[in-house]
Amino acid sequence: LGRDQQLGTIERGKLADFFLVKGDPTQDLSALRETRMVLKGGFVYFP
């Protein structure tokens, strides 16, 4: 989408669009099912 300078990784200076899960999804994607918190556009959401 041509936005990787602002989004797509969690790095200093980028927009804080990310979410928190309990486990390690790099080992098992089912960890994505337990989303505990989401940040987007300056708001914090609790699923």
All heavy atoms as atom14 arrays in JSON, in Angstrom:
{
  "sequence": "LGRDQQLGTIERGKLADFFLVKGDPTQDLSALRETRMVLKGGFVYFP",
  "atom14_mask": [
    [1, 1, 1, 1, 1, 1, 1, 1, 0, 0, 0, 0, 0, 0],
    [1, 1, 1, 1, 0, 0, 0, 0, 0, 0, 0, 0, 0, 0],
    [1, 1, 1, 1, 1, 1, 1, 1, 1, 1, 1, 0, 0, 0],
    [1, 1, 1, 1, 1, 1, 1, 1, 0, 0, 0, 0, 0, 0],
    [1, 1, 1, 1, 1, 1, 1, 1, 1, 0, 0, 0, 0, 0],
    [1, 1, 1, 1, 1, 1, 1, 1, 1, 0, 0, 0, 0, 0],
    [1, 1, 1, 1, 1, 1, 1, 1, 0, 0, 0, 0, 0, 0],
    [1, 1, 1, 1, 0, 0, 0, 0, 0, 0, 0, 0, 0, 0],
    [1, 1, 1, 1, 1, 1, 1, 0, 0, 0, 0, 0, 0, 0],
    [1, 1, 1, 1, 1, 1, 1, 1, 0, 0, 0, 0, 0, 0],
    [1, 1, 1, 1, 1, 1, 1, 1, 1, 0, 0, 0, 0, 0],
    [1, 1, 1, 1, 1, 1, 1, 1, 1, 1, 1, 0, 0, 0],
    [1, 1, 1, 1, 0, 0, 0, 0, 0, 0, 0, 0, 0, 0],
    [1, 1, 1, 1, 1, 1, 1, 1, 1, 0, 0, 0, 0, 0],
    [1, 1, 1, 1, 1, 1, 1, 1, 0, 0, 0, 0, 0, 0],
    [1, 1, 1, 1, 1, 0, 0, 0, 0, 0, 0, 0, 0, 0],
    [1, 1, 1, 1, 1, 1, 1, 1, 0, 0, 0, 0, 0, 0],
    [1, 1, 1, 1, 1, 1, 1, 1, 1, 1, 1, 0, 0, 0],
    [1, 1, 1, 1, 1, 1, 1, 1, 1, 1, 1, 0, 0, 0],
    [1, 1, 1, 1, 1, 1, 1, 1, 0, 0, 0, 0, 0, 0],
    [1, 1, 1, 1, 1, 1, 1, 0, 0, 0, 0, 0, 0, 0],
    [1, 1, 1, 1, 1, 1, 1, 1, 1, 0, 0, 0, 0, 0],
    [1, 1, 1, 1, 0, 0, 0, 0, 0, 0, 0, 0, 0, 0],
    [1, 1, 1, 1, 1, 1, 1, 1, 0, 0, 0, 0, 0, 0],
    [1, 1, 1, 1, 1, 1, 1, 0, 0, 0, 0, 0, 0, 0],
    [1, 1, 1, 1, 1, 1, 1, 0, 0, 0, 0, 0, 0, 0],
    [1, 1, 1, 1, 1, 1, 1, 1, 1, 0, 0, 0, 0, 0],
    [1, 1, 1, 1, 1, 1, 1, 1, 0, 0, 0, 0, 0, 0],
    [1, 1, 1, 1, 1, 1, 1, 1, 0, 0, 0, 0, 0, 0],
    [1, 1, 1, 1, 1, 1, 0, 0, 0, 0, 0, 0, 0, 0],
    [1, 1, 1, 1, 1, 0, 0, 0, 0, 0, 0, 0, 0, 0],
    [1, 1, 1, 1, 1, 1, 1, 1, 0, 0, 0, 0, 0, 0],
    [1, 1, 1, 1, 1, 1, 1, 1, 1, 1, 1, 0, 0, 0],
    [1, 1, 1, 1, 1, 1, 1, 1, 1, 0, 0, 0, 0, 0],
    [1, 1, 1, 1, 1, 1, 1, 0, 0, 0, 0, 0, 0, 0],
    [1, 1, 1, 1, 1, 1, 1, 1, 1, 1, 1, 0, 0, 0],
    [1, 1, 1, 1, 1, 1, 1, 1, 0, 0, 0, 0, 0, 0],
    [1, 1, 1, 1, 1, 1, 1, 0, 0, 0, 0, 0, 0, 0],
    [1, 1, 1, 1, 1, 1, 1, 1, 0, 0, 0, 0, 0, 0],
    [1, 1, 1, 1, 1, 1, 1, 1, 1, 0, 0, 0, 0, 0],
    [1, 1, 1, 1, 0, 0, 0, 0, 0, 0, 0, 0, 0, 0],
    [1, 1, 1, 1, 0, 0, 0, 0, 0, 0, 0, 0, 0, 0],
    [1, 1, 1, 1, 1, 1, 1, 1, 1, 1, 1, 0, 0, 0],
    [1, 1, 1, 1, 1, 1, 1, 0, 0, 0, 0, 0, 0, 0],
    [1, 1, 1, 1, 1, 1, 1, 1, 1, 1, 1, 1, 0, 0],
    [1, 1, 1, 1, 1, 1, 1, 1, 1, 1, 1, 0, 0, 0],
    [1, 1, 1, 1, 1, 1, 1, 0, 0, 0, 0, 0, 0, 0]
  ],
  "atom14_positions": [
    [[0.81, -1.22, 0.0], [0.0, 0.0, 0.0], [0.84, 1.28, 0.0], [0.3, 2.38, -0.05], [-0.93, 0.01, 1.22], [-1.99, -1.09, 1.27], [-2.69, -1.1, 2.62], [-3.01, -0.93, 0.15], [0.0, 0.0, 0.0], [0.0, 0.0, 0.0], [0.0, 0.0, 0.0], [0.0, 0.0, 0.0], [0.0, 0.0, 0.0], [0.0, 0.0, 0.0]],
    [[2.17, 1.13, 0.08], [3.04, 2.28, 0.05], [3.07, 3.08, 1.33], [3.38, 4.28, 1.33], [0.0, 0.0, 0.0], [0.0, 0.0, 0.0], [0.0, 0.0, 0.0], [0.0, 0.0, 0.0], [0.0, 0.0, 0.0], [0.0, 0.0, 0.0], [0.0, 0.0, 0.0], [0.0, 0.0, 0.0], [0.0, 0.0, 0.0], [0.0, 0.0, 0.0]],
    [[2.76, 2.43, 2.47], [2.7, 3.15, 3.74], [3.71, 2.62, 4.76], [3.59, 2.9, 5.95], [1.29, 3.05, 4.34], [0.18, 3.49, 3.43], [-1.18, 3.53, 4.12], [-1.5, 2.28, 4.79], [-2.7, 2.01, 5.33], [-3.68, 2.9, 5.24], [-2.92, 0.85, 5.93], [0.0, 0.0, 0.0], [0.0, 0.0, 0.0], [0.0, 0.0, 0.0]],
    [[4.68, 1.83, 4.32], [5.56, 1.15, 5.25], [6.48, 2.09, 6.02], [7.11, 1.67, 6.99], [6.39, 0.08, 4.53], [7.11, 0.62, 3.3], [6.41, 1.08, 2.38], [8.36, 0.58, 3.27], [0.0, 0.0, 0.0], [0.0, 0.0, 0.0], [0.0, 0.0, 0.0], [0.0, 0.0, 0.0], [0.0, 0.0, 0.0], [0.0, 0.0, 0.0]],
    [[6.58, 3.36, 5.6], [7.36, 4.32, 6.38], [6.6, 4.77, 7.63], [7.21, 5.31, 8.56], [7.71, 5.54, 5.53], [8.63, 5.23, 4.36], [9.91, 4.57, 4.79], [10.64, 5.09, 5.64], [10.21, 3.41, 4.23], [0.0, 0.0, 0.0], [0.0, 0.0, 0.0], [0.0, 0.0, 0.0], [0.0, 0.0, 0.0], [0.0, 0.0, 0.0]],
    [[5.3, 4.53, 7.66], [4.48, 4.93, 8.81], [3.94, 3.76, 9.6], [3.68, 3.88, 10.8], [3.27, 5.75, 8.33], [3.6, 7.1, 7.73], [2.32, 7.81, 7.32], [1.6, 7.35, 6.42], [2.03, 8.91, 7.98], [0.0, 0.0, 0.0], [0.0, 0.0, 0.0], [0.0, 0.0, 0.0], [0.0, 0.0, 0.0], [0.0, 0.0, 0.0]],
    [[3.73, 2.63, 8.94], [3.02, 1.5, 9.54], [3.7, 0.19, 9.16], [4.58, 0.15, 8.31], [1.56, 1.5, 9.06], [0.68, 2.66, 9.51], [-0.52, 2.82, 8.58], [0.21, 2.44, 10.95], [0.0, 0.0, 0.0], [0.0, 0.0, 0.0], [0.0, 0.0, 0.0], [0.0, 0.0, 0.0], [0.0, 0.0, 0.0], [0.0, 0.0, 0.0]],
    [[3.26, -0.89, 9.8], [3.71, -2.22, 9.41], [4.73, -2.84, 10.32], [4.9, -4.07, 10.33], [0.0, 0.0, 0.0], [0.0, 0.0, 0.0], [0.0, 0.0, 0.0], [0.0, 0.0, 0.0], [0.0, 0.0, 0.0], [0.0, 0.0, 0.0], [0.0, 0.0, 0.0], [0.0, 0.0, 0.0], [0.0, 0.0, 0.0], [0.0, 0.0, 0.0]],
    [[5.45, -2.04, 11.09], [6.38, -2.53, 12.11], [6.23, -1.66, 13.35], [5.7, -0.55, 13.29], [7.84, -2.47, 11.63], [8.16, -1.13, 11.26], [8.09, -3.4, 10.44], [0.0, 0.0, 0.0], [0.0, 0.0, 0.0], [0.0, 0.0, 0.0], [0.0, 0.0, 0.0], [0.0, 0.0, 0.0], [0.0, 0.0, 0.0], [0.0, 0.0, 0.0]],
    [[6.71, -2.19, 14.47], [6.65, -1.45, 15.74], [8.02, -0.83, 15.95], [8.97, -1.47, 16.43], [6.25, -2.39, 16.89], [4.87, -3.0, 16.61], [6.25, -1.64, 18.23], [4.43, -4.05, 17.61], [0.0, 0.0, 0.0], [0.0, 0.0, 0.0], [0.0, 0.0, 0.0], [0.0, 0.0, 0.0], [0.0, 0.0, 0.0], [0.0, 0.0, 0.0]],
    [[8.16, 0.43, 15.54], [9.42, 1.16, 15.61], [9.16, 2.6, 16.05], [8.08, 3.14, 15.8], [10.1, 1.17, 14.24], [10.47, -0.18, 13.68], [11.14, -0.06, 12.32], [12.33, 0.34, 12.29], [10.48, -0.34, 11.3], [0.0, 0.0, 0.0], [0.0, 0.0, 0.0], [0.0, 0.0, 0.0], [0.0, 0.0, 0.0], [0.0, 0.0, 0.0]],
    [[10.17, 3.2, 16.65], [10.06, 4.59, 17.08], [9.69, 5.49, 15.91], [10.26, 5.39, 14.81], [11.39, 5.07, 17.69], [11.4, 6.56, 18.01], [12.68, 6.99, 18.7], [12.79, 8.45, 18.74], [12.17, 9.24, 19.61], [11.36, 8.7, 20.52], [12.34, 10.55, 19.58], [0.0, 0.0, 0.0], [0.0, 0.0, 0.0], [0.0, 0.0, 0.0]],
    [[8.72, 6.38, 16.14], [8.31, 7.34, 15.13], [7.19, 6.86, 14.24], [6.59, 7.67, 13.51], [0.0, 0.0, 0.0], [0.0, 0.0, 0.0], [0.0, 0.0, 0.0], [0.0, 0.0, 0.0], [0.0, 0.0, 0.0], [0.0, 0.0, 0.0], [0.0, 0.0, 0.0], [0.0, 0.0, 0.0], [0.0, 0.0, 0.0], [0.0, 0.0, 0.0]],
    [[6.88, 5.57, 14.25], [5.78, 5.07, 13.44], [4.46, 5.18, 14.2], [4.43, 5.35, 15.43], [6.02, 3.61, 13.04], [7.08, 3.45, 11.95], [7.05, 2.05, 11.35], [7.9, 1.97, 10.1], [7.83, 0.65, 9.45], [0.0, 0.0, 0.0], [0.0, 0.0, 0.0], [0.0, 0.0, 0.0], [0.0, 0.0, 0.0], [0.0, 0.0, 0.0]],
    [[3.37, 5.09, 13.46], [2.05, 5.14, 14.08], [1.82, 3.88, 14.92], [2.21, 2.77, 14.53], [0.96, 5.26, 13.01], [0.98, 6.58, 12.22], [-0.03, 6.52, 11.08], [0.67, 7.76, 13.14], [0.0, 0.0, 0.0], [0.0, 0.0, 0.0], [0.0, 0.0, 0.0], [0.0, 0.0, 0.0], [0.0, 0.0, 0.0], [0.0, 0.0, 0.0]],
    [[1.19, 4.07, 16.05], [1.01, 2.99, 17.02], [-0.25, 2.19, 16.7], [-1.26, 2.26, 17.4], [0.94, 3.55, 18.43], [0.0, 0.0, 0.0], [0.0, 0.0, 0.0], [0.0, 0.0, 0.0], [0.0, 0.0, 0.0], [0.0, 0.0, 0.0], [0.0, 0.0, 0.0], [0.0, 0.0, 0.0], [0.0, 0.0, 0.0], [0.0, 0.0, 0.0]],
    [[-0.2, 1.44, 15.62], [-1.26, 0.49, 15.27], [-0.71, -0.9, 15.55], [0.1, -1.44, 14.77], [-1.63, 0.6, 13.78], [-2.47, 1.82, 13.46], [-2.54, 2.73, 14.3], [-3.05, 1.86, 12.36], [0.0, 0.0, 0.0], [0.0, 0.0, 0.0], [0.0, 0.0, 0.0], [0.0, 0.0, 0.0], [0.0, 0.0, 0.0], [0.0, 0.0, 0.0]],
    [[-1.1, -1.49, 16.68], [-0.62, -2.83, 17.01], [-1.55, -3.44, 18.04], [-2.47, -2.79, 18.55], [0.83, -2.82, 17.51], [1.12, -1.88, 18.66], [0.68, -2.15, 19.95], [1.89, -0.74, 18.45], [0.96, -1.3, 21.0], [2.2, 0.12, 19.5], [1.73, -0.16, 20.78], [0.0, 0.0, 0.0], [0.0, 0.0, 0.0], [0.0, 0.0, 0.0]],
    [[-1.33, -4.73, 18.34], [-2.2, -5.41, 19.29], [-1.39, -6.39, 20.12], [-0.27, -6.79, 19.77], [-3.37, -6.1, 18.59], [-3.01, -7.2, 17.63], [-3.2, -8.54, 17.97], [-2.5, -6.91, 16.37], [-2.88, -9.56, 17.08], [-2.19, -7.91, 15.47], [-2.37, -9.25, 15.82], [0.0, 0.0, 0.0], [0.0, 0.0, 0.0], [0.0, 0.0, 0.0]],
    [[-1.97, -6.77, 21.25], [-1.32, -7.64, 22.24], [-2.03, -8.98, 22.3], [-3.26, -9.03, 22.4], [-1.37, -6.97, 23.62], [-0.9, -7.8, 24.82], [0.6, -8.04, 24.77], [-1.29, -7.11, 26.13], [0.0, 0.0, 0.0], [0.0, 0.0, 0.0], [0.0, 0.0, 0.0], [0.0, 0.0, 0.0], [0.0, 0.0, 0.0], [0.0, 0.0, 0.0]],
    [[-1.24, -10.07, 22.24], [-1.78, -11.42, 22.44], [-1.03, -12.09, 23.57], [0.07, -11.67, 23.94], [-1.71, -12.26, 21.15], [-2.5, -11.61, 20.03], [-0.27, -12.52, 20.73], [0.0, 0.0, 0.0], [0.0, 0.0, 0.0], [0.0, 0.0, 0.0], [0.0, 0.0, 0.0], [0.0, 0.0, 0.0], [0.0, 0.0, 0.0], [0.0, 0.0, 0.0]],
    [[-1.6, -13.16, 24.08], [-1.0, -13.85, 25.22], [0.28, -14.59, 24.86], [1.3, -14.48, 25.53], [-2.0, -14.85, 25.81], [-2.97, -14.26, 26.81], [-3.77, -15.39, 27.46], [-4.66, -14.85, 28.57], [-5.43, -15.95, 29.22], [0.0, 0.0, 0.0], [0.0, 0.0, 0.0], [0.0, 0.0, 0.0], [0.0, 0.0, 0.0], [0.0, 0.0, 0.0]],
    [[0.21, -15.41, 23.8], [1.29, -16.34, 23.52], [2.25, -15.88, 22.46], [2.44, -14.68, 22.23], [0.0, 0.0, 0.0], [0.0, 0.0, 0.0], [0.0, 0.0, 0.0], [0.0, 0.0, 0.0], [0.0, 0.0, 0.0], [0.0, 0.0, 0.0], [0.0, 0.0, 0.0], [0.0, 0.0, 0.0], [0.0, 0.0, 0.0], [0.0, 0.0, 0.0]],
    [[2.87, -16.86, 21.79], [3.87, -16.6, 20.76], [3.34, -17.05, 19.41], [3.4, -18.23, 19.06], [5.16, -17.37, 21.09], [6.25, -17.16, 20.04], [6.0, -16.45, 19.05], [7.34, -17.72, 20.22], [0.0, 0.0, 0.0], [0.0, 0.0, 0.0], [0.0, 0.0, 0.0], [0.0, 0.0, 0.0], [0.0, 0.0, 0.0], [0.0, 0.0, 0.0]],
    [[2.8, -16.14, 18.61], [2.21, -16.52, 17.33], [3.23, -16.95, 16.29], [2.84, -17.51, 15.26], [1.47, -15.26, 16.89], [2.21, -14.15, 17.55], [2.68, -14.7, 18.86], [0.0, 0.0, 0.0], [0.0, 0.0, 0.0], [0.0, 0.0, 0.0], [0.0, 0.0, 0.0], [0.0, 0.0, 0.0], [0.0, 0.0, 0.0], [0.0, 0.0, 0.0]],
    [[4.52, -16.71, 16.52], [5.52, -17.19, 15.56], [5.68, -18.7, 15.64], [6.23, -19.31, 14.72], [6.89, -16.52, 15.8], [7.43, -16.94, 17.07], [6.76, -15.01, 15.77], [0.0, 0.0, 0.0], [0.0, 0.0, 0.0], [0.0, 0.0, 0.0], [0.0, 0.0, 0.0], [0.0, 0.0, 0.0], [0.0, 0.0, 0.0], [0.0, 0.0, 0.0]],
    [[5.2, -19.28, 16.73], [5.22, -20.74, 16.87], [3.87, -21.36, 16.53], [3.81, -22.47, 16.0], [5.61, -21.12, 18.31], [6.98, -20.61, 18.72], [8.09, -21.13, 17.81], [8.17, -22.33, 17.55], [8.92, -20.22, 17.33], [0.0, 0.0, 0.0], [0.0, 0.0, 0.0], [0.0, 0.0, 0.0], [0.0, 0.0, 0.0], [0.0, 0.0, 0.0]],
    [[2.8, -20.64, 16.84], [1.45, -21.17, 16.6], [0.51, -19.98, 16.41], [0.3, -19.2, 17.34], [1.0, -22.02, 17.79], [-0.34, -22.7, 17.56], [-1.02, -22.39, 16.55], [-0.73, -23.55, 18.39], [0.0, 0.0, 0.0], [0.0, 0.0, 0.0], [0.0, 0.0, 0.0], [0.0, 0.0, 0.0], [0.0, 0.0, 0.0], [0.0, 0.0, 0.0]],
    [[-0.07, -19.87, 15.2], [-0.94, -18.73, 14.91], [-2.2, -18.73, 15.75], [-2.89, -17.71, 15.82], [-1.31, -18.71, 13.43], [-0.3, -18.11, 12.46], [-0.9, -18.01, 11.07], [0.17, -16.73, 12.91], [0.0, 0.0, 0.0], [0.0, 0.0, 0.0], [0.0, 0.0, 0.0], [0.0, 0.0, 0.0], [0.0, 0.0, 0.0], [0.0, 0.0, 0.0]],
    [[-2.54, -19.83, 16.38], [-3.75, -19.83, 17.21], [-3.61, -18.84, 18.38], [-4.61, -18.46, 19.0], [-4.05, -21.23, 17.75], [-3.03, -21.67, 18.63], [0.0, 0.0, 0.0], [0.0, 0.0, 0.0], [0.0, 0.0, 0.0], [0.0, 0.0, 0.0], [0.0, 0.0, 0.0], [0.0, 0.0, 0.0], [0.0, 0.0, 0.0], [0.0, 0.0, 0.0]],
    [[-2.37, -18.4, 18.66], [-2.19, -17.37, 19.7], [-2.91, -16.09, 19.34], [-3.27, -15.29, 20.22], [-0.7, -17.1, 19.91], [0.0, 0.0, 0.0], [0.0, 0.0, 0.0], [0.0, 0.0, 0.0], [0.0, 0.0, 0.0], [0.0, 0.0, 0.0], [0.0, 0.0, 0.0], [0.0, 0.0, 0.0], [0.0, 0.0, 0.0], [0.0, 0.0, 0.0]],
    [[-3.15, -15.84, 18.05], [-3.87, -14.63, 17.63], [-5.31, -14.61, 18.13], [-5.94, -13.55, 18.15], [-3.88, -14.53, 16.1], [-2.53, -14.38, 15.39], [-2.75, -14.32, 13.88], [-1.79, -13.15, 15.87], [0.0, 0.0, 0.0], [0.0, 0.0, 0.0], [0.0, 0.0, 0.0], [0.0, 0.0, 0.0], [0.0, 0.0, 0.0], [0.0, 0.0, 0.0]],
    [[-5.82, -15.75, 18.51], [-7.22, -15.82, 18.92], [-7.46, -15.15, 20.27], [-8.59, -14.8, 20.58], [-7.66, -17.29, 18.98], [-7.55, -18.0, 17.64], [-7.8, -19.5, 17.76], [-7.65, -20.16, 16.47], [-7.76, -21.48, 16.29], [-8.02, -22.26, 17.33], [-7.61, -22.02, 15.1], [0.0, 0.0, 0.0], [0.0, 0.0, 0.0], [0.0, 0.0, 0.0]],
    [[-6.41, -14.99, 21.06], [-6.56, -14.37, 22.37], [-5.96, -12.96, 22.34], [-4.89, -12.7, 22.88], [-5.9, -15.23, 23.45], [-6.62, -16.57, 23.65], [-6.09, -17.33, 24.84], [-4.85, -17.42, 25.0], [-6.91, -17.83, 25.63], [0.0, 0.0, 0.0], [0.0, 0.0, 0.0], [0.0, 0.0, 0.0], [0.0, 0.0, 0.0], [0.0, 0.0, 0.0]],
    [[-6.67, -12.07, 21.69], [-6.24, -10.67, 21.58], [-6.7, -9.92, 22.82], [-7.89, -9.85, 23.12], [-6.83, -10.03, 20.32], [-6.4, -10.78, 19.18], [-6.37, -8.59, 20.18], [0.0, 0.0, 0.0], [0.0, 0.0, 0.0], [0.0, 0.0, 0.0], [0.0, 0.0, 0.0], [0.0, 0.0, 0.0], [0.0, 0.0, 0.0], [0.0, 0.0, 0.0]],
    [[-5.75, -9.33, 23.54], [-6.05, -8.72, 24.84], [-6.22, -7.21, 24.76], [-6.89, -6.61, 25.61], [-4.95, -9.06, 25.84], [-4.68, -10.56, 26.01], [-3.7, -10.81, 27.13], [-4.29, -10.49, 28.42], [-3.59, -10.3, 29.53], [-2.26, -10.35, 29.49], [-4.19, -10.0, 30.67], [0.0, 0.0, 0.0], [0.0, 0.0, 0.0], [0.0, 0.0, 0.0]],
    [[-5.58, -6.58, 23.77], [-5.6, -5.12, 23.68], [-5.24, -4.74, 22.25], [-4.46, -5.42, 21.59], [-4.59, -4.51, 24.65], [-4.47, -2.99, 24.59], [-3.16, -2.38, 25.7], [-1.7, -3.02, 24.87], [0.0, 0.0, 0.0], [0.0, 0.0, 0.0], [0.0, 0.0, 0.0], [0.0, 0.0, 0.0], [0.0, 0.0, 0.0], [0.0, 0.0, 0.0]],
    [[-5.82, -3.62, 21.78], [-5.54, -3.11, 20.44], [-5.35, -1.6, 20.53], [-6.13, -0.91, 21.2], [-6.69, -3.44, 19.46], [-6.36, -2.92, 18.06], [-6.97, -4.94, 19.43], [0.0, 0.0, 0.0], [0.0, 0.0, 0.0], [0.0, 0.0, 0.0], [0.0, 0.0, 0.0], [0.0, 0.0, 0.0], [0.0, 0.0, 0.0], [0.0, 0.0, 0.0]],
    [[-4.31, -1.09, 19.86], [-4.11, 0.35, 19.73], [-4.26, 0.73, 18.27], [-3.7, 0.09, 17.38], [-2.73, 0.76, 20.22], [-2.58, 1.04, 21.73], [-2.61, -0.27, 22.51], [-1.29, 1.81, 22.02], [0.0, 0.0, 0.0], [0.0, 0.0, 0.0], [0.0, 0.0, 0.0], [0.0, 0.0, 0.0], [0.0, 0.0, 0.0], [0.0, 0.0, 0.0]],
    [[-5.0, 1.8, 18.04], [-5.14, 2.33, 16.68], [-5.59, 3.78, 16.77], [-6.55, 4.11, 17.47], [-6.16, 1.51, 15.88], [-6.33, 1.96, 14.43], [-7.51, 2.9, 14.28], [-7.59, 3.53, 12.91], [-8.75, 4.46, 12.81], [0.0, 0.0, 0.0], [0.0, 0.0, 0.0], [0.0, 0.0, 0.0], [0.0, 0.0, 0.0], [0.0, 0.0, 0.0]],
    [[-4.85, 4.66, 16.09], [-5.24, 6.06, 15.98], [-5.32, 6.8, 17.3], [-6.12, 7.72, 17.44], [0.0, 0.0, 0.0], [0.0, 0.0, 0.0], [0.0, 0.0, 0.0], [0.0, 0.0, 0.0], [0.0, 0.0, 0.0], [0.0, 0.0, 0.0], [0.0, 0.0, 0.0], [0.0, 0.0, 0.0], [0.0, 0.0, 0.0], [0.0, 0.0, 0.0]],
    [[-4.49, 6.43, 18.27], [-4.49, 7.11, 19.56], [-5.48, 6.57, 20.56], [-5.55, 7.05, 21.69], [0.0, 0.0, 0.0], [0.0, 0.0, 0.0], [0.0, 0.0, 0.0], [0.0, 0.0, 0.0], [0.0, 0.0, 0.0], [0.0, 0.0, 0.0], [0.0, 0.0, 0.0], [0.0, 0.0, 0.0], [0.0, 0.0, 0.0], [0.0, 0.0, 0.0]],
    [[-6.27, 5.58, 20.18], [-7.23, 4.95, 21.08], [-6.72, 3.58, 21.52], [-6.07, 2.86, 20.74], [-8.59, 4.78, 20.41], [-9.36, 6.05, 20.26], [-9.3, 6.78, 19.09], [-10.16, 6.53, 21.29], [-10.01, 7.96, 18.93], [-10.88, 7.71, 21.15], [-10.8, 8.43, 19.97], [0.0, 0.0, 0.0], [0.0, 0.0, 0.0], [0.0, 0.0, 0.0]],
    [[-7.05, 3.22, 22.74], [-6.77, 1.88, 23.27], [-8.1, 1.15, 23.41], [-9.06, 1.69, 24.0], [-6.06, 1.96, 24.64], [-5.77, 0.55, 25.17], [-4.77, 2.77, 24.53], [0.0, 0.0, 0.0], [0.0, 0.0, 0.0], [0.0, 0.0, 0.0], [0.0, 0.0, 0.0], [0.0, 0.0, 0.0], [0.0, 0.0, 0.0], [0.0, 0.0, 0.0]],
    [[-8.16, -0.06, 22.87], [-9.37, -0.87, 22.95], [-9.05, -2.19, 23.65], [-7.98, -2.77, 23.46], [-9.91, -1.18, 21.55], [-10.31, 0.03, 20.75], [-9.4, 0.65, 19.9], [-11.6, 0.55, 20.82], [-9.75, 1.77, 19.15], [-11.96, 1.67, 20.09], [-11.04, 2.27, 19.25], [-11.39, 3.38, 18.52], [0.0, 0.0, 0.0], [0.0, 0.0, 0.0]],
    [[-10.0, -2.65, 24.44], [-9.88, -3.94, 25.11], [-10.96, -4.87, 24.54], [-12.16, -4.65, 24.77], [-10.02, -3.77, 26.62], [-8.96, -2.87, 27.2], [-9.25, -1.55, 27.51], [-7.67, -3.33, 27.39], [-8.27, -0.71, 28.01], [-6.68, -2.49, 27.89], [-6.98, -1.18, 28.2], [0.0, 0.0, 0.0], [0.0, 0.0, 0.0], [0.0, 0.0, 0.0]],
    [[-10.55, -5.89, 23.79], [-11.54, -6.75, 23.11], [-12.58, -7.37, 24.04], [-13.73, -7.55, 23.62], [-10.66, -7.81, 22.46], [-9.39, -7.08, 22.15], [-9.18, -6.19, 23.35], [0.0, 0.0, 0.0], [0.0, 0.0, 0.0], [0.0, 0.0, 0.0], [0.0, 0.0, 0.0], [0.0, 0.0, 0.0], [0.0, 0.0, 0.0], [0.0, 0.0, 0.0]]
  ]
}
